[in-house]
PDB file of N, CA and C in Angstrom:
ATOM      1  N   MET A   1      -7.433  22.683  -0.782  1.00  0.00           N
ATOM      2  CA  MET A   1      -7.354  21.434  -0.417  1.00  0.00           C
ATOM      3  C   MET A   1      -6.198  20.589  -0.555  1.00  0.00           C
ATOM      4  N   VAL A   2      -4.924  21.126  -1.695  1.00  0.00           N
ATOM      5  CA  VAL A   2      -3.866  20.735  -0.996  1.00  0.00           C
ATOM      6  C   VAL A   2      -3.607  21.147   0.005  1.00  0.00           C
ATOM      7  N   ALA A   3      -3.993  22.042   0.191  1.00  0.00           N
ATOM      8  CA  ALA A   3      -3.670  22.437   1.698  1.00  0.00           C
ATOM      9  C   ALA A   3      -3.443  21.351   2.802  1.00  0.00           C
ATOM     10  N   GLN A   4      -4.605  20.763   2.450  1.00  0.00           N
ATOM     11  CA  GLN A   4      -5.101  19.517   3.463  1.00  0.00           C
ATOM     12  C   GLN A   4      -4.411  18.650   3.287  1.00  0.00           C
ATOM     13  N   ILE A   5      -4.404  18.281   1.850  1.00  0.00           N
ATOM     14  CA  ILE A   5      -2.988  17.183   1.655  1.00  0.00           C
ATOM     15  C   ILE A   5      -2.000  17.169   2.301  1.00  0.00           C
ATOM     16  N   LYS A   6      -1.676  18.540   1.722  1.00  0.00           N
ATOM     17  CA  LYS A   6       0.257  18.199   2.624  1.00  0.00           C
ATOM     18  C   LYS A   6       0.406  18.115   3.475  1.00  0.00           C
ATOM     19  N   SER A   7      -0.910  18.609   4.763  1.00  0.00           N
ATOM     20  CA  SER A   7      -0.449  18.339   5.412  1.00  0.00           C
ATOM     21  C   SER A   7      -0.672  17.295   6.403  1.00  0.00           C
ATOM     22  N   THR A   8      -1.918  16.740   6.059  1.00  0.00           N
ATOM     23  CA  THR A   8      -1.976  15.354   6.186  1.00  0.00           C
ATOM     24  C   THR A   8      -0.551  14.165   6.158  1.00  0.00           C
ATOM     25  N   VAL A   9      -0.189  15.107   4.977  1.00  0.00           N
ATOM     26  CA  VAL A   9       1.052  13.903   4.841  1.00  0.00           C
ATOM     27  C   VAL A   9       1.895  14.257   6.023  1.00  0.00           C
ATOM     28  N   ARG A  10       2.737  15.273   6.403  1.00  0.00           N
ATOM     29  CA  ARG A  10       3.563  15.643   6.818  1.00  0.00           C
ATOM     30  C   ARG A  10       3.063  15.103   8.452  1.00  0.00           C
ATOM     31  N   ASN A  11       2.053  15.092   9.250  1.00  0.00           N
ATOM     32  CA  ASN A  11       2.004  14.189   9.911  1.00  0.00           C
ATOM     33  C   ASN A  11       2.164  12.997  10.486  1.00  0.00           C
ATOM     34  N   ALA A  12       1.505  12.775   8.806  1.00  0.00           N
ATOM     35  CA  ALA A  12       1.021  11.859   8.712  1.00  0.00           C
ATOM     36  C   ALA A  12       2.731  10.508   8.458  1.00  0.00           C
ATOM     37  N   GLN A  13       3.373  11.205   8.109  1.00  0.00           N
ATOM     38  CA  GLN A  13       4.966  10.374   7.589  1.00  0.00           C
ATOM     39  C   GLN A  13       5.119   9.115   8.305  1.00  0.00           C
ATOM     40  N   SER A  14       4.720   8.923   9.381  1.00  0.00           N
ATOM     41  CA  SER A  14       5.432   7.073  10.085  1.00  0.00           C
ATOM     42  C   SER A  14       5.510   7.735  10.008  1.00  0.00           C
ATOM     43  N   THR A  15       3.570   7.209   9.421  1.00  0.00           N
ATOM     44  CA  THR A  15       2.317   5.353   9.284  1.00  0.00           C
ATOM     45  C   THR A  15       2.411   5.608   8.281  1.00  0.00           C
ATOM     46  N   LEU A  16       2.988   7.111   6.691  1.00  0.00           N
ATOM     47  CA  LEU A  16       2.772   7.089   5.462  1.00  0.00           C
ATOM     48  C   LEU A  16       3.206   5.623   4.539  1.00  0.00           C
ATOM     49  N   LEU A  17       4.130   5.404   5.002  1.00  0.00           N
ATOM     50  CA  LEU A  17       5.235   4.621   4.524  1.00  0.00           C
ATOM     51  C   LEU A  17       4.670   2.289   5.753  1.00  0.00           C
ATOM     52  N   GLN A  18       4.302   2.716   6.410  1.00  0.00           N
ATOM     53  CA  GLN A  18       3.413   1.566   6.507  1.00  0.00           C
ATOM     54  C   GLN A  18       3.232   1.192   5.340  1.00  0.00           C
ATOM     55  N   ASP A  19       1.033   2.123   5.131  1.00  0.00           N
ATOM     56  CA  ASP A  19       0.698   2.085   4.662  1.00  0.00           C
ATOM     57  C   ASP A  19       1.219   1.658   3.290  1.00  0.00           C
ATOM     58  N   ILE A  20       2.125   2.446   2.922  1.00  0.00           N
ATOM     59  CA  ILE A  20       2.536   2.345   1.821  1.00  0.00           C
ATOM     60  C   ILE A  20       2.990   0.224   1.440  1.00  0.00           C
ATOM     61  N   ALA A  21       3.821   0.325   2.533  1.00  0.00           N
ATOM     62  CA  ALA A  21       4.583  -1.599   1.848  1.00  0.00           C
ATOM     63  C   ALA A  21       3.196  -2.311   2.906  1.00  0.00           C
ATOM     64  N   GLY A  22       2.405  -2.202   3.254  1.00  0.00           N
ATOM     65  CA  GLY A  22       0.702  -2.653   3.459  1.00  0.00           C
ATOM     66  C   GLY A  22       0.074  -3.267   2.163  1.00  0.00           C
ATOM     67  N   ALA A  23       0.690  -1.869   1.596  1.00  0.00           N
ATOM     68  CA  ALA A  23      -0.249  -1.777   0.602  1.00  0.00           C
ATOM     69  C   ALA A  23       0.375  -2.686  -0.770  1.00  0.00           C
ATOM     70  N   ALA A  24       1.614  -3.098  -0.533  1.00  0.00           N
ATOM     71  CA  ALA A  24       2.618  -3.501  -1.472  1.00  0.00           C
ATOM     72  C   ALA A  24       2.288  -5.101  -0.988  1.00  0.00           C
ATOM     73  N   ALA A  25       2.097  -5.146   0.302  1.00  0.00           N
ATOM     74  CA  ALA A  25       2.063  -6.778   0.409  1.00  0.00           C
ATOM     75  C   ALA A  25       0.570  -7.366  -0.118  1.00  0.00           C
ATOM     76  N   LEU A  26      -0.001  -6.271   0.392  1.00  0.00           N
ATOM     77  CA  LEU A  26      -1.296  -6.829  -0.639  1.00  0.00           C
ATOM     78  C   LEU A  26      -1.471  -7.314  -2.271  1.00  0.00           C
ATOM     79  N   VAL A  27      -0.831  -5.939  -2.884  1.00  0.00           N
ATOM     80  CA  VAL A  27      -1.197  -6.773  -4.044  1.00  0.00           C
ATOM     81  C   VAL A  27      -0.520  -7.689  -4.402  1.00  0.00           C
ATOM     82  N   VAL A  28       1.013  -8.000  -4.196  1.00  0.00           N
ATOM     83  CA  VAL A  28       2.002  -9.350  -3.606  1.00  0.00           C
ATOM     84  C   VAL A  28       0.830  -9.416  -3.097  1.00  0.00           C
ATOM     85  N   MET A  29       0.800 -10.390  -2.219  1.00  0.00           N
ATOM     86  CA  MET A  29       0.081 -11.420  -2.446  1.00  0.00           C
ATOM     87  C   MET A  29      -1.109 -11.547  -3.403  1.00  0.00           C
ATOM     88  N   LEU A  30      -1.916 -10.883  -3.704  1.00  0.00           N
ATOM     89  CA  LEU A  30      -3.485 -10.332  -5.305  1.00  0.00           C
ATOM     90  C   LEU A  30      -2.839 -10.950  -6.109  1.00  0.00           C
ATOM     91  N   VAL A  31      -1.047 -11.190  -7.101  1.00  0.00           N
ATOM     92  CA  VAL A  31      -0.731 -11.708  -7.822  1.00  0.00           C
ATOM     93  C   VAL A  31      -0.287 -13.582  -7.723  1.00  0.00           C
ATOM     94  N   VAL A  32       0.024 -13.772  -7.082  1.00  0.00           N
ATOM     95  CA  VAL A  32       0.540 -14.546  -5.734  1.00  0.00           C
ATOM     96  C   VAL A  32      -0.807 -15.192  -6.638  1.00  0.00           C
ATOM     97  N   ALA A  33      -2.738 -15.073  -5.552  1.00  0.00           N
ATOM     98  CA  ALA A  33      -3.089 -15.659  -5.044  1.00  0.00           C
ATOM     99  C   ALA A  33      -3.818 -15.898  -6.786  1.00  0.00           C
ATOM    100  N   LEU A  34      -4.048 -14.699  -6.714  1.00  0.00           N
ATOM    101  CA  LEU A  34      -3.892 -15.465  -9.374  1.00  0.00           C
ATOM    102  C   LEU A  34      -3.277 -16.490  -9.983  1.00  0.00           C
ATOM    103  N   HIS A  35      -2.029 -16.210  -9.528  1.00  0.00           N
ATOM    104  CA  HIS A  35      -1.056 -16.607 -10.452  1.00  0.00           C
ATOM    105  C   HIS A  35      -0.770 -18.659  -9.400  1.00  0.00           C
ATOM    106  N   LEU A  36      -1.214 -18.439  -9.547  1.00  0.00           N
ATOM    107  CA  LEU A  36      -1.904 -20.184  -8.051  1.00  0.00           C
ATOM    108  C   LEU A  36      -1.765 -21.101  -8.890  1.00  0.00           C
ATOM    109  N   PRO A  37      -3.392 -20.436  -9.500  1.00  0.00           N
ATOM    110  CA  PRO A  37      -3.574 -21.987  -9.475  1.00  0.00           C
ATOM    111  C   PRO A  37      -2.792 -22.767 -11.301  1.00  0.00           C
ATOM    112  N   SER A  38      -2.601 -21.796 -11.753  1.00  0.00           N
ATOM    113  CA  SER A  38      -1.703 -22.346 -12.946  1.00  0.00           C
ATOM    114  C   SER A  38      -0.367 -23.475 -12.867  1.00  0.00           C
ATOM    115  N   LEU A  39       0.310 -22.950 -10.908  1.00  0.00           N
ATOM    116  CA  LEU A  39       1.189 -23.436 -10.795  1.00  0.00           C
ATOM    117  C   LEU A  39       0.783 -25.705 -10.023  1.00  0.00           C
ATOM    118  N   VAL A  40      -1.014 -24.811  -9.767  1.00  0.00           N
ATOM    119  CA  VAL A  40      -1.467 -26.348  -8.953  1.00  0.00           C
ATOM    120  C   VAL A  40      -1.303 -27.499 -10.198  1.00  0.00           C
TER     121      VAL A  40
END
């Protein structure tokens, strides 16, 4: 199983960074959306 994870990370190195950036953007949007009612 560890070998499968390592090979997957090795094969998807370029898209992995894009996936991390997308997940971070989703977290930021979620936090902003949750704090938005207190700002209005």
